[in-house]
Amino acid sequence: SLRLSCAALGGRVTVATMGWYRQAPGKQRDLVARIVRDSITHYV
């Protein structure tokens, strides 16, 4: 297991759509997970 963290400087994560993307060598950047509201999430 690993836990990734993202700190936002200059903006509030509560009012934004926040996402995690990933890109493997030779491949496009793809969505992994997104949080649209505090209670709404989406995952690949």
Full PDB file with SEQRES, HELIX, SHEET, SSBOND, CRYST1, ORIGX, SCALE, CONECT and MASTER records, all heavy atoms in Angstrom:
SEQRES   1 A   44  SER LEU ARG LEU SER CYS ALA ALA LEU GLY GLY ARG VAL          
SEQRES   2 A   44  THR VAL ALA THR MET GLY TRP TYR ARG GLN ALA PRO GLY          
SEQRES   3 A   44  LYS GLN ARG ASP LEU VAL ALA ARG ILE VAL ARG ASP SER          
SEQRES   4 A   44  ILE THR HIS TYR VAL                                          
HELIX    1 AA1 VAL A   13  VAL A   15  5                                   3    
SHEET    1 AA1 3 MET A  18  ARG A  22  0                                        
SHEET    2 AA1 3 ASP A  30  ARG A  37 -1                                        
SHEET    3 AA1 3 ILE A  40  TYR A  43 -1                                        
CRYST1    1.000    1.000    1.000  90.00  90.00  90.00 P 1           1          
ORIGX1      1.000000  0.000000  0.000000        0.00000                         
ORIGX2      0.000000  1.000000  0.000000        0.00000                         
ORIGX3      0.000000  0.000000  1.000000        0.00000                         
SCALE1      1.000000  0.000000  0.000000        0.00000                         
SCALE2      0.000000  1.000000  0.000000        0.00000                         
SCALE3      0.000000  0.000000  1.000000        0.00000                         
ATOM      1  N   SER A   1       0.826  -1.202   0.000  1.00  0.00           N  
ATOM      2  CA  SER A   1       0.000   0.000   0.000  1.00  0.00           C  
ATOM      3  C   SER A   1       0.860   1.251   0.000  1.00  0.00           C  
ATOM      4  O   SER A   1       1.988   1.248   0.508  1.00  0.00           O  
ATOM      5  CB  SER A   1      -0.911   0.023   1.229  1.00  0.00           C  
ATOM      6  OG  SER A   1      -1.785  -1.085   1.263  1.00  0.00           O  
ATOM      7  N   LEU A   2       0.315   2.311  -0.563  1.00  0.00           N  
ATOM      8  CA  LEU A   2       0.907   3.634  -0.524  1.00  0.00           C  
ATOM      9  C   LEU A   2      -0.207   4.661  -0.382  1.00  0.00           C  
ATOM     10  O   LEU A   2      -1.317   4.440  -0.864  1.00  0.00           O  
ATOM     11  CB  LEU A   2       1.705   3.946  -1.790  1.00  0.00           C  
ATOM     12  CG  LEU A   2       3.074   3.299  -1.977  1.00  0.00           C  
ATOM     13  CD1 LEU A   2       3.606   3.642  -3.369  1.00  0.00           C  
ATOM     14  CD2 LEU A   2       4.045   3.764  -0.905  1.00  0.00           C  
ATOM     15  N   ARG A   3       0.110   5.776   0.247  1.00  0.00           N  
ATOM     16  CA  ARG A   3      -0.815   6.895   0.319  1.00  0.00           C  
ATOM     17  C   ARG A   3      -0.172   8.111  -0.316  1.00  0.00           C  
ATOM     18  O   ARG A   3       0.868   8.596   0.157  1.00  0.00           O  
ATOM     19  CB  ARG A   3      -1.219   7.214   1.763  1.00  0.00           C  
ATOM     20  CG  ARG A   3      -2.328   8.266   1.857  1.00  0.00           C  
ATOM     21  CD  ARG A   3      -2.550   8.735   3.277  1.00  0.00           C  
ATOM     22  NE  ARG A   3      -1.442   9.562   3.739  1.00  0.00           N  
ATOM     23  CZ  ARG A   3      -1.372  10.124   4.936  1.00  0.00           C  
ATOM     24  NH1 ARG A   3      -2.351   9.931   5.814  1.00  0.00           N  
ATOM     25  NH2 ARG A   3      -0.335  10.856   5.279  1.00  0.00           N  
ATOM     26  N   LEU A   4      -0.780   8.604  -1.377  1.00  0.00           N  
ATOM     27  CA  LEU A   4      -0.335   9.825  -2.022  1.00  0.00           C  
ATOM     28  C   LEU A   4      -1.117  11.006  -1.468  1.00  0.00           C  
ATOM     29  O   LEU A   4      -2.314  10.902  -1.220  1.00  0.00           O  
ATOM     30  CB  LEU A   4      -0.532   9.753  -3.536  1.00  0.00           C  
ATOM     31  CG  LEU A   4       0.079   8.558  -4.269  1.00  0.00           C  
ATOM     32  CD1 LEU A   4      -0.164   8.692  -5.765  1.00  0.00           C  
ATOM     33  CD2 LEU A   4       1.564   8.438  -3.961  1.00  0.00           C  
ATOM     34  N   SER A   5      -0.445  12.133  -1.293  1.00  0.00           N  
ATOM     35  CA  SER A   5      -1.087  13.345  -0.825  1.00  0.00           C  
ATOM     36  C   SER A   5      -0.791  14.489  -1.775  1.00  0.00           C  
ATOM     37  O   SER A   5       0.295  14.567  -2.351  1.00  0.00           O  
ATOM     38  CB  SER A   5      -0.615  13.706   0.585  1.00  0.00           C  
ATOM     39  OG  SER A   5      -1.034  12.754   1.537  1.00  0.00           O  
ATOM     40  N   CYS A   6      -1.767  15.374  -1.925  1.00  0.00           N  
ATOM     41  CA  CYS A   6      -1.626  16.550  -2.775  1.00  0.00           C  
ATOM     42  C   CYS A   6      -2.057  17.767  -1.977  1.00  0.00           C  
ATOM     43  O   CYS A   6      -3.220  17.865  -1.573  1.00  0.00           O  
ATOM     44  CB  CYS A   6      -2.476  16.407  -4.041  1.00  0.00           C  
ATOM     45  SG  CYS A   6      -2.504  17.876  -5.095  1.00  0.00           S  
ATOM     46  N   ALA A   7      -1.134  18.674  -1.756  1.00  0.00           N  
ATOM     47  CA  ALA A   7      -1.422  19.922  -1.070  1.00  0.00           C  
ATOM     48  C   ALA A   7      -1.620  21.034  -2.088  1.00  0.00           C  
ATOM     49  O   ALA A   7      -0.790  21.215  -2.981  1.00  0.00           O  
ATOM     50  CB  ALA A   7      -0.297  20.281  -0.107  1.00  0.00           C  
ATOM     51  N   ALA A   8      -2.722  21.760  -1.969  1.00  0.00           N  
ATOM     52  CA  ALA A   8      -3.042  22.860  -2.883  1.00  0.00           C  
ATOM     53  C   ALA A   8      -2.682  24.182  -2.229  1.00  0.00           C  
ATOM     54  O   ALA A   8      -3.229  24.533  -1.180  1.00  0.00           O  
ATOM     55  CB  ALA A   8      -4.519  22.832  -3.261  1.00  0.00           C  
ATOM     56  N   LEU A   9      -1.779  24.907  -2.859  1.00  0.00           N  
ATOM     57  CA  LEU A   9      -1.357  26.212  -2.364  1.00  0.00           C  
ATOM     58  C   LEU A   9      -1.976  27.297  -3.232  1.00  0.00           C  
ATOM     59  O   LEU A   9      -1.703  27.368  -4.429  1.00  0.00           O  
ATOM     60  CB  LEU A   9       0.170  26.317  -2.375  1.00  0.00           C  
ATOM     61  CG  LEU A   9       0.932  25.176  -1.703  1.00  0.00           C  
ATOM     62  CD1 LEU A   9       2.433  25.400  -1.808  1.00  0.00           C  
ATOM     63  CD2 LEU A   9       0.514  25.038  -0.249  1.00  0.00           C  
ATOM     64  N   GLY A  10      -2.838  28.125  -2.643  1.00  0.00           N  
ATOM     65  CA  GLY A  10      -3.485  29.191  -3.382  1.00  0.00           C  
ATOM     66  C   GLY A  10      -4.892  28.886  -3.844  1.00  0.00           C  
ATOM     67  O   GLY A  10      -5.511  29.706  -4.530  1.00  0.00           O  
ATOM     68  N   GLY A  11      -5.421  27.732  -3.501  1.00  0.00           N  
ATOM     69  CA  GLY A  11      -6.774  27.348  -3.864  1.00  0.00           C  
ATOM     70  C   GLY A  11      -7.365  26.407  -2.839  1.00  0.00           C  
ATOM     71  O   GLY A  11      -6.632  25.749  -2.107  1.00  0.00           O  
ATOM     72  N   ARG A  12      -8.683  26.334  -2.783  1.00  0.00           N  
ATOM     73  CA  ARG A  12      -9.380  25.479  -1.839  1.00  0.00           C  
ATOM     74  C   ARG A  12      -9.839  24.209  -2.530  1.00  0.00           C  
ATOM     75  O   ARG A  12     -10.577  24.259  -3.516  1.00  0.00           O  
ATOM     76  CB  ARG A  12     -10.577  26.211  -1.238  1.00  0.00           C  
ATOM     77  CG  ARG A  12     -10.227  27.406  -0.366  1.00  0.00           C  
ATOM     78  CD  ARG A  12     -11.482  28.126   0.089  1.00  0.00           C  
ATOM     79  NE  ARG A  12     -12.353  27.232   0.846  1.00  0.00           N  
ATOM     80  CZ  ARG A  12     -13.617  27.509   1.155  1.00  0.00           C  
ATOM     81  NH1 ARG A  12     -14.158  28.654   0.764  1.00  0.00           N  
ATOM     82  NH2 ARG A  12     -14.330  26.640   1.850  1.00  0.00           N  
ATOM     83  N   VAL A  13      -9.424  23.073  -2.003  1.00  0.00           N  
ATOM     84  CA  VAL A  13      -9.815  21.801  -2.608  1.00  0.00           C  
ATOM     85  C   VAL A  13     -11.302  21.533  -2.438  1.00  0.00           C  
ATOM     86  O   VAL A  13     -11.883  20.750  -3.191  1.00  0.00           O  
ATOM     87  CB  VAL A  13      -8.989  20.628  -2.031  1.00  0.00           C  
ATOM     88  CG1 VAL A  13      -7.509  20.857  -2.267  1.00  0.00           C  
ATOM     89  CG2 VAL A  13      -9.279  20.429  -0.539  1.00  0.00           C  
ATOM     90  N   THR A  14     -11.944  22.187  -1.484  1.00  0.00           N  
ATOM     91  CA  THR A  14     -13.364  21.972  -1.234  1.00  0.00           C  
ATOM     92  C   THR A  14     -14.248  22.524  -2.340  1.00  0.00           C  
ATOM     93  O   THR A  14     -15.385  22.068  -2.497  1.00  0.00           O  
ATOM     94  CB  THR A  14     -13.788  22.586   0.105  1.00  0.00           C  
ATOM     95  OG1 THR A  14     -13.430  23.968   0.134  1.00  0.00           O  
ATOM     96  CG2 THR A  14     -13.128  21.872   1.267  1.00  0.00           C  
ATOM     97  N   VAL A  15     -13.784  23.499  -3.102  1.00  0.00           N  
ATOM     98  CA  VAL A  15     -14.593  24.105  -4.159  1.00  0.00           C  
ATOM     99  C   VAL A  15     -14.162  23.641  -5.545  1.00  0.00           C  
ATOM    100  O   VAL A  15     -14.755  24.058  -6.547  1.00  0.00           O  
ATOM    101  CB  VAL A  15     -14.540  25.641  -4.092  1.00  0.00           C  
ATOM    102  CG1 VAL A  15     -15.026  26.127  -2.736  1.00  0.00           C  
ATOM    103  CG2 VAL A  15     -13.141  26.163  -4.376  1.00  0.00           C  
ATOM    104  N   ALA A  16     -13.161  22.799  -5.615  1.00  0.00           N  
ATOM    105  CA  ALA A  16     -12.611  22.355  -6.890  1.00  0.00           C  
ATOM    106  C   ALA A  16     -12.911  20.882  -7.134  1.00  0.00           C  
ATOM    107  O   ALA A  16     -13.180  20.116  -6.212  1.00  0.00           O  
ATOM    108  CB  ALA A  16     -11.102  22.580  -6.928  1.00  0.00           C  
ATOM    109  N   THR A  17     -12.880  20.519  -8.404  1.00  0.00           N  
ATOM    110  CA  THR A  17     -12.846  19.113  -8.772  1.00  0.00           C  
ATOM    111  C   THR A  17     -11.388  18.664  -8.724  1.00  0.00           C  
ATOM    112  O   THR A  17     -10.545  19.210  -9.435  1.00  0.00           O  
ATOM    113  CB  THR A  17     -13.434  18.890 -10.166  1.00  0.00           C  
ATOM    114  OG1 THR A  17     -14.828  19.211 -10.158  1.00  0.00           O  
ATOM    115  CG2 THR A  17     -13.265  17.431 -10.591  1.00  0.00           C  
ATOM    116  N   MET A  18     -11.106  17.705  -7.871  1.00  0.00           N  
ATOM    117  CA  MET A  18      -9.749  17.216  -7.681  1.00  0.00           C  
ATOM    118  C   MET A  18      -9.620  15.816  -8.268  1.00  0.00           C  
ATOM    119  O   MET A  18     -10.511  14.979  -8.111  1.00  0.00           O  
ATOM    120  CB  MET A  18      -9.383  17.183  -6.205  1.00  0.00           C  
ATOM    121  CG  MET A  18      -9.497  18.526  -5.492  1.00  0.00           C  
ATOM    122  SD  MET A  18      -8.343  19.770  -6.143  1.00  0.00           S  
ATOM    123  CE  MET A  18      -6.768  18.946  -5.863  1.00  0.00           C  
ATOM    124  N   GLY A  19      -8.512  15.571  -8.927  1.00  0.00           N  
ATOM    125  CA  GLY A  19      -8.301  14.269  -9.533  1.00  0.00           C  
ATOM    126  C   GLY A  19      -6.867  13.798  -9.416  1.00  0.00           C  
ATOM    127  O   GLY A  19      -5.942  14.598  -9.250  1.00  0.00           O  
ATOM    128  N   TRP A  20      -6.712  12.492  -9.494  1.00  0.00           N  
ATOM    129  CA  TRP A  20      -5.414  11.859  -9.625  1.00  0.00           C  
ATOM    130  C   TRP A  20      -5.356  11.174 -10.981  1.00  0.00           C  
ATOM    131  O   TRP A  20      -6.260  10.421 -11.338  1.00  0.00           O  
ATOM    132  CB  TRP A  20      -5.162  10.835  -8.510  1.00  0.00           C  
ATOM    133  CG  TRP A  20      -4.795  11.439  -7.193  1.00  0.00           C  
ATOM    134  CD1 TRP A  20      -5.617  11.682  -6.134  1.00  0.00           C  
ATOM    135  CD2 TRP A  20      -3.491  11.864  -6.794  1.00  0.00           C  
ATOM    136  NE1 TRP A  20      -4.921  12.235  -5.094  1.00  0.00           N  
ATOM    137  CE2 TRP A  20      -3.603  12.362  -5.472  1.00  0.00           C  
ATOM    138  CE3 TRP A  20      -2.241  11.879  -7.419  1.00  0.00           C  
ATOM    139  CZ2 TRP A  20      -2.506  12.868  -4.776  1.00  0.00           C  
ATOM    140  CZ3 TRP A  20      -1.157  12.380  -6.718  1.00  0.00           C  
ATOM    141  CH2 TRP A  20      -1.304  12.865  -5.417  1.00  0.00           C  
ATOM    142  N   TYR A  21      -4.308  11.454 -11.722  1.00  0.00           N  
ATOM    143  CA  TYR A  21      -4.044  10.846 -13.017  1.00  0.00           C  
ATOM    144  C   TYR A  21      -2.714  10.113 -12.951  1.00  0.00           C  
ATOM    145  O   TYR A  21      -1.899  10.356 -12.069  1.00  0.00           O  
ATOM    146  CB  TYR A  21      -3.988  11.905 -14.119  1.00  0.00           C  
ATOM    147  CG  TYR A  21      -5.309  12.562 -14.437  1.00  0.00           C  
ATOM    148  CD1 TYR A  21      -5.916  13.432 -13.541  1.00  0.00           C  
ATOM    149  CD2 TYR A  21      -5.949  12.321 -15.655  1.00  0.00           C  
ATOM    150  CE1 TYR A  21      -7.120  14.042 -13.830  1.00  0.00           C  
ATOM    151  CE2 TYR A  21      -7.156  12.929 -15.958  1.00  0.00           C  
ATOM    152  CZ  TYR A  21      -7.732  13.793 -15.040  1.00  0.00           C  
ATOM    153  OH  TYR A  21      -8.926  14.399 -15.351  1.00  0.00           O  
ATOM    154  N   ARG A  22      -2.490   9.219 -13.905  1.00  0.00           N  
ATOM    155  CA  ARG A  22      -1.200   8.540 -13.967  1.00  0.00           C  
ATOM    156  C   ARG A  22      -0.785   8.339 -15.416  1.00  0.00           C  
ATOM    157  O   ARG A  22      -1.614   8.254 -16.317  1.00  0.00           O  
ATOM    158  CB  ARG A  22      -1.233   7.195 -13.232  1.00  0.00           C  
ATOM    159  CG  ARG A  22      -2.138   6.144 -13.848  1.00  0.00           C  
ATOM    160  CD  ARG A  22      -2.209   4.919 -12.934  1.00  0.00           C  
ATOM    161  NE  ARG A  22      -3.065   3.876 -13.467  1.00  0.00           N  
ATOM    162  CZ  ARG A  22      -3.421   2.790 -12.795  1.00  0.00           C  
ATOM    163  NH1 ARG A  22      -2.998   2.604 -11.539  1.00  0.00           N  
ATOM    164  NH2 ARG A  22      -4.204   1.878 -13.369  1.00  0.00           N  
ATOM    165  N   GLN A  23       0.520   8.279 -15.613  1.00  0.00           N  
ATOM    166  CA  GLN A  23       1.083   8.094 -16.936  1.00  0.00           C  
ATOM    167  C   GLN A  23       2.253   7.130 -16.854  1.00  0.00           C  
ATOM    168  O   GLN A  23       3.251   7.406 -16.187  1.00  0.00           O  
ATOM    169  CB  GLN A  23       1.540   9.424 -17.530  1.00  0.00           C  
ATOM    170  CG  GLN A  23       2.012   9.329 -18.967  1.00  0.00           C  
ATOM    171  CD  GLN A  23       2.222  10.693 -19.602  1.00  0.00           C  
ATOM    172  OE1 GLN A  23       2.407  11.685 -18.903  1.00  0.00           O  
ATOM    173  NE2 GLN A  23       2.183  10.752 -20.918  1.00  0.00           N  
ATOM    174  N   ALA A  24       2.115   5.996 -17.523  1.00  0.00           N  
ATOM    175  CA  ALA A  24       3.180   5.018 -17.616  1.00  0.00           C  
ATOM    176  C   ALA A  24       4.042   5.339 -18.834  1.00  0.00           C  
ATOM    177  O   ALA A  24       3.587   6.005 -19.772  1.00  0.00           O  
ATOM    178  CB  ALA A  24       2.608   3.604 -17.717  1.00  0.00           C  
ATOM    179  N   PRO A  25       5.289   4.864 -18.865  1.00  0.00           N  
ATOM    180  CA  PRO A  25       6.163   5.146 -20.004  1.00  0.00           C  
ATOM    181  C   PRO A  25       5.535   4.718 -21.327  1.00  0.00           C  
ATOM    182  O   PRO A  25       5.038   3.595 -21.456  1.00  0.00           O  
ATOM    183  CB  PRO A  25       7.423   4.334 -19.697  1.00  0.00           C  
ATOM    184  CG  PRO A  25       7.438   4.224 -18.209  1.00  0.00           C  
ATOM    185  CD  PRO A  25       5.991   4.103 -17.816  1.00  0.00           C  
ATOM    186  N   GLY A  26       5.549   5.621 -22.302  1.00  0.00           N  
ATOM    187  CA  GLY A  26       5.018   5.323 -23.621  1.00  0.00           C  
ATOM    188  C   GLY A  26       3.513   5.336 -23.732  1.00  0.00           C  
ATOM    189  O   GLY A  26       2.978   4.993 -24.791  1.00  0.00           O  
ATOM    190  N   LYS A  27       2.803   5.719 -22.671  1.00  0.00           N  
ATOM    191  CA  LYS A  27       1.351   5.721 -22.681  1.00  0.00           C  
ATOM    192  C   LYS A  27       0.819   7.120 -22.361  1.00  0.00           C  
ATOM    193  O   LYS A  27       1.544   7.989 -21.879  1.00  0.00           O  
ATOM    194  CB  LYS A  27       0.797   4.709 -21.680  1.00  0.00           C  
ATOM    195  CG  LYS A  27       1.277   3.285 -21.907  1.00  0.00           C  
ATOM    196  CD  LYS A  27       0.627   2.302 -20.964  1.00  0.00           C  
ATOM    197  CE  LYS A  27      -0.832   2.108 -21.286  1.00  0.00           C  
ATOM    198  NZ  LYS A  27      -1.464   1.062 -20.428  1.00  0.00           N  
ATOM    199  N   GLN A  28      -0.464   7.333 -22.626  1.00  0.00           N  
ATOM    200  CA  GLN A  28      -1.092   8.611 -22.351  1.00  0.00           C  
ATOM    201  C   GLN A  28      -1.388   8.761 -20.869  1.00  0.00           C  
ATOM    202  O   GLN A  28      -1.400   7.779 -20.119  1.00  0.00           O  
ATOM    203  CB  GLN A  28      -2.385   8.752 -23.158  1.00  0.00           C  
ATOM    204  CG  GLN A  28      -3.485   7.794 -22.753  1.00  0.00           C  
ATOM    205  CD  GLN A  28      -4.752   7.971 -23.567  1.00  0.00           C  
ATOM    206  OE1 GLN A  28      -4.871   8.903 -24.369  1.00  0.00           O  
ATOM    207  NE2 GLN A  28      -5.710   7.100 -23.356  1.00  0.00           N  
ATOM    208  N   ARG A  29      -1.649  10.001 -20.468  1.00  0.00           N  
ATOM    209  CA  ARG A  29      -2.035  10.272 -19.097  1.00  0.00           C  
ATOM    210  C   ARG A  29      -3.518   9.981 -18.920  1.00  0.00           C  
ATOM    211  O   ARG A  29      -4.354  10.544 -19.629  1.00  0.00           O  
ATOM    212  CB  ARG A  29      -1.722  11.726 -18.740  1.00  0.00           C  
ATOM    213  CG  ARG A  29      -1.970  12.075 -17.289  1.00  0.00           C  
ATOM    214  CD  ARG A  29      -1.585  13.523 -16.981  1.00  0.00           C  
ATOM    215  NE  ARG A  29      -0.168  13.772 -17.222  1.00  0.00           N  
ATOM    216  CZ  ARG A  29       0.432  14.922 -16.934  1.00  0.00           C  
ATOM    217  NH1 ARG A  29      -0.244  15.918 -16.395  1.00  0.00           N  
ATOM    218  NH2 ARG A  29       1.725  15.066 -17.200  1.00  0.00           N  
ATOM    219  N   ASP A  30      -3.847   9.117 -17.977  1.00  0.00           N  
ATOM    220  CA  ASP A  30      -5.220   8.668 -17.786  1.00  0.00           C  
ATOM    221  C   ASP A  30      -5.718   9.002 -16.386  1.00  0.00           C  
ATOM    222  O   ASP A  30      -4.954   9.017 -15.418  1.00  0.00           O  
ATOM    223  CB  ASP A  30      -5.340   7.156 -17.996  1.00  0.00           C  
ATOM    224  CG  ASP A  30      -5.092   6.733 -19.430  1.00  0.00           C  
ATOM    225  OD1 ASP A  30      -5.466   7.487 -20.348  1.00  0.00           O  
ATOM    226  OD2 ASP A  30      -4.538   5.641 -19.643  1.00  0.00           O  
ATOM    227  N   LEU A  31      -7.017   9.224 -16.294  1.00  0.00           N  
ATOM    228  CA  LEU A  31      -7.658   9.461 -15.004  1.00  0.00           C  
ATOM    229  C   LEU A  31      -7.629   8.191 -14.164  1.00  0.00           C  
ATOM    230  O   LEU A  31      -7.941   7.108 -14.655  1.00  0.00           O  
ATOM    231  CB  LEU A  31      -9.097   9.915 -15.202  1.00  0.00           C  
ATOM    232  CG  LEU A  31      -9.938  10.067 -13.930  1.00  0.00           C  
ATOM    233  CD1 LEU A  31      -9.467  11.266 -13.115  1.00  0.00           C  
ATOM    234  CD2 LEU A  31     -11.422  10.196 -14.269  1.00  0.00           C  
ATOM    235  N   VAL A  32      -7.281   8.331 -12.895  1.00  0.00           N  
ATOM    236  CA  VAL A  32      -7.336   7.240 -11.932  1.00  0.00           C  
ATOM    237  C   VAL A  32      -8.541   7.405 -11.010  1.00  0.00           C  
ATOM    238  O   VAL A  32      -9.330   6.476 -10.832  1.00  0.00           O  
ATOM    239  CB  VAL A  32      -6.049   7.156 -11.099  1.00  0.00           C  
ATOM    240  CG1 VAL A  32      -6.155   6.051 -10.055  1.00  0.00           C  
ATOM    241  CG2 VAL A  32      -4.840   6.932 -12.004  1.00  0.00           C  
ATOM    242  N   ALA A  33      -8.679   8.578 -10.415  1.00  0.00           N  
ATOM    243  CA  ALA A  33      -9.764   8.845  -9.483  1.00  0.00           C  
ATOM    244  C   ALA A  33     -10.077  10.332  -9.477  1.00  0.00           C  
ATOM    245  O   ALA A  33      -9.194  11.156  -9.699  1.00  0.00           O  
ATOM    246  CB  ALA A  33      -9.412   8.377  -8.071  1.00  0.00           C  
ATOM    247  N   ARG A  34     -11.336  10.659  -9.199  1.00  0.00           N  
ATOM    248  CA  ARG A  34     -11.778  12.045  -9.163  1.00  0.00           C  
ATOM    249  C   ARG A  34     -12.778  12.221  -8.034  1.00  0.00           C  
ATOM    250  O   ARG A  34     -13.590  11.332  -7.779  1.00  0.00           O  
ATOM    251  CB  ARG A  34     -12.433  12.430 -10.498  1.00  0.00           C  
ATOM    252  CG  ARG A  34     -12.972  13.846 -10.550  1.00  0.00           C  
ATOM    253  CD  ARG A  34     -13.908  14.046 -11.739  1.00  0.00           C  
ATOM    254  NE  ARG A  34     -13.199  13.952 -13.012  1.00  0.00           N  
ATOM    255  CZ  ARG A  34     -13.476  13.061 -13.952  1.00  0.00           C  
ATOM    256  NH1 ARG A  34     -14.447  12.181 -13.785  1.00  0.00           N  
ATOM    257  NH2 ARG A  34     -12.777  13.064 -15.083  1.00  0.00           N  
ATOM    258  N   ILE A  35     -12.705  13.368  -7.369  1.00  0.00           N  
ATOM    259  CA  ILE A  35     -13.697  13.718  -6.368  1.00  0.00           C  
ATOM    260  C   ILE A  35     -14.324  15.039  -6.786  1.00  0.00           C  
ATOM    261  O   ILE A  35     -13.658  16.074  -6.856  1.00  0.00           O  
ATOM    262  CB  ILE A  35     -13.099  13.752  -4.942  1.00  0.00           C  
ATOM    263  CG1 ILE A  35     -14.188  14.053  -3.916  1.00  0.00           C  
ATOM    264  CG2 ILE A  35     -11.934  14.719  -4.835  1.00  0.00           C  
ATOM    265  CD1 ILE A  35     -13.764  13.718  -2.486  1.00  0.00           C  
ATOM    266  N   VAL A  36     -15.625  14.983  -7.106  1.00  0.00           N  
ATOM    267  CA  VAL A  36     -16.354  16.143  -7.604  1.00  0.00           C  
ATOM    268  C   VAL A  36     -16.959  16.931  -6.443  1.00  0.00           C  
ATOM    269  O   VAL A  36     -16.954  18.153  -6.437  1.00  0.00           O  
ATOM    270  CB  VAL A  36     -17.456  15.716  -8.585  1.00  0.00           C  
ATOM    271  CG1 VAL A  36     -18.233  16.920  -9.109  1.00  0.00           C  
ATOM    272  CG2 VAL A  36     -16.848  14.929  -9.742  1.00  0.00           C  
ATOM    273  N   ARG A  37     -17.516  16.222  -5.495  1.00  0.00           N  
ATOM    274  CA  ARG A  37     -17.995  16.770  -4.245  1.00  0.00           C  
ATOM    275  C   ARG A  37     -17.409  15.926  -3.134  1.00  0.00           C  
ATOM    276  O   ARG A  37     -16.843  14.863  -3.384  1.00  0.00           O  
ATOM    277  CB  ARG A  37     -19.518  16.759  -4.186  1.00  0.00           C  
ATOM    278  CG  ARG A  37     -20.211  17.550  -5.268  1.00  0.00           C  
ATOM    279  CD  ARG A  37     -20.109  19.044  -5.023  1.00  0.00           C  
ATOM    280  NE  ARG A  37     -20.924  19.795  -5.969  1.00  0.00           N  
ATOM    281  CZ  ARG A  37     -20.500  20.212  -7.162  1.00  0.00           C  
ATOM    282  NH1 ARG A  37     -19.261  19.946  -7.550  1.00  0.00           N  
ATOM    283  NH2 ARG A  37     -21.312  20.884  -7.962  1.00  0.00           N  
ATOM    284  N   ASP A  38     -17.585  16.390  -1.915  1.00  0.00           N  
ATOM    285  CA  ASP A  38     -17.030  15.653  -0.790  1.00  0.00           C  
ATOM    286  C   ASP A  38     -17.571  14.227  -0.721  1.00  0.00           C  
ATOM    287  O   ASP A  38     -16.894  13.323  -0.221  1.00  0.00           O  
ATOM    288  CB  ASP A  38     -17.321  16.393   0.509  1.00  0.00           C  
ATOM    289  CG  ASP A  38     -16.573  15.830   1.695  1.00  0.00           C  
ATOM    290  OD1 ASP A  38     -15.334  15.757   1.631  1.00  0.00           O  
ATOM    291  OD2 ASP A  38     -17.231  15.455   2.693  1.00  0.00           O  
ATOM    292  N   SER A  39     -18.787  14.019  -1.222  1.00  0.00           N  
ATOM    293  CA  SER A  39     -19.424  12.710  -1.151  1.00  0.00           C  
ATOM    294  C   SER A  39     -19.553  12.023  -2.504  1.00  0.00           C  
ATOM    295  O   SER A  39     -20.166  10.955  -2.589  1.00  0.00           O  
ATOM    296  CB  SER A  39     -20.815  12.834  -0.514  1.00  0.00           C  
ATOM    297  OG  SER A  39     -21.639  13.704  -1.264  1.00  0.00           O  
ATOM    298  N   ILE A  40     -18.991  12.601  -3.564  1.00  0.00           N  
ATOM    299  CA  ILE A  40     -19.102  12.040  -4.900  1.00  0.00           C  
ATOM    300  C   ILE A  40     -17.712  11.752  -5.445  1.00  0.00           C  
ATOM    301  O   ILE A  40     -16.898  12.665  -5.583  1.00  0.00           O  
ATOM    302  CB  ILE A  40     -19.862  12.982  -5.846  1.00  0.00           C  
ATOM    303  CG1 ILE A  40     -21.260  13.270  -5.298  1.00  0.00           C  
ATOM    304  CG2 ILE A  40     -19.938  12.387  -7.244  1.00  0.00           C  
ATOM    305  CD1 ILE A  40     -22.031  14.293  -6.111  1.00  0.00           C  
ATOM    306  N   THR A  41     -17.454  10.488  -5.756  1.00  0.00           N  
ATOM    307  CA  THR A  41     -16.162  10.079  -6.282  1.00  0.00           C  
ATOM    308  C   THR A  41     -16.343   9.204  -7.507  1.00  0.00           C  
ATOM    309  O   THR A  41     -17.381   8.571  -7.699  1.00  0.00           O  
ATOM    310  CB  THR A  41     -15.338   9.315  -5.233  1.00  0.00           C  
ATOM    311  OG1 THR A  41     -16.074   8.172  -4.793  1.00  0.00           O  
ATOM    312  CG2 THR A  41     -15.036  10.207  -4.035  1.00  0.00           C  
ATOM    313  N   HIS A  42     -15.318   9.158  -8.348  1.00  0.00           N  
ATOM    314  CA  HIS A  42     -15.294   8.309  -9.528  1.00  0.00           C  
ATOM    315  C   HIS A  42     -13.925   7.659  -9.641  1.00  0.00           C  
ATOM    316  O   HIS A  42     -12.917   8.273  -9.318  1.00  0.00           O  
ATOM    317  CB  HIS A  42     -15.596   9.117 -10.796  1.00  0.00           C  
ATOM    318  CG  HIS A  42     -16.898   9.833 -10.772  1.00  0.00           C  
ATOM    319  ND1 HIS A  42     -17.029  11.118 -10.268  1.00  0.00           N  
ATOM    320  CD2 HIS A  42     -18.136   9.459 -11.180  1.00  0.00           C  
ATOM    321  CE1 HIS A  42     -18.288  11.496 -10.366  1.00  0.00           C  
ATOM    322  NE2 HIS A  42     -18.980  10.518 -10.910  1.00  0.00           N  
ATOM    323  N   TYR A  43     -13.907   6.419 -10.139  1.00  0.00           N  
ATOM    324  CA  TYR A  43     -12.675   5.666 -10.275  1.00  0.00           C  
ATOM    325  C   TYR A  43     -12.638   4.958 -11.617  1.00  0.00           C  
ATOM    326  O   TYR A  43     -13.668   4.511 -12.127  1.00  0.00           O  
ATOM    327  CB  TYR A  43     -12.535   4.608  -9.178  1.00  0.00           C  
ATOM    328  CG  TYR A  43     -12.533   5.152  -7.774  1.00  0.00           C  
ATOM    329  CD1 TYR A  43     -13.717   5.292  -7.068  1.00  0.00           C  
ATOM    330  CD2 TYR A  43     -11.345   5.526  -7.157  1.00  0.00           C  
ATOM    331  CE1 TYR A  43     -13.716   5.794  -5.777  1.00  0.00           C  
ATOM    332  CE2 TYR A  43     -11.337   6.024  -5.871  1.00  0.00           C  
ATOM    333  CZ  TYR A  43     -12.527   6.159  -5.180  1.00  0.00           C  
ATOM    334  OH  TYR A  43     -12.531   6.650  -3.903  1.00  0.00           O  
ATOM    335  N   VAL A  44     -11.442   4.831 -12.158  1.00  0.00           N  
ATOM    336  CA  VAL A  44     -11.273   3.982 -13.321  1.00  0.00           C  
ATOM    337  C   VAL A  44     -11.484   2.533 -12.882  1.00  0.00           C  
ATOM    338  O   VAL A  44     -11.184   2.165 -11.734  1.00  0.00           O  
ATOM    339  CB  VAL A  44      -9.876   4.180 -13.949  1.00  0.00           C  
ATOM    340  CG1 VAL A  44      -8.778   3.689 -13.025  1.00  0.00           C  
ATOM    341  CG2 VAL A  44      -9.791   3.507 -15.306  1.00  0.00           C  
TER     342      VAL A  44                                                      
MASTER        0    0    0    1    3    0    0    6  341    1    0    4          
END                                                                             
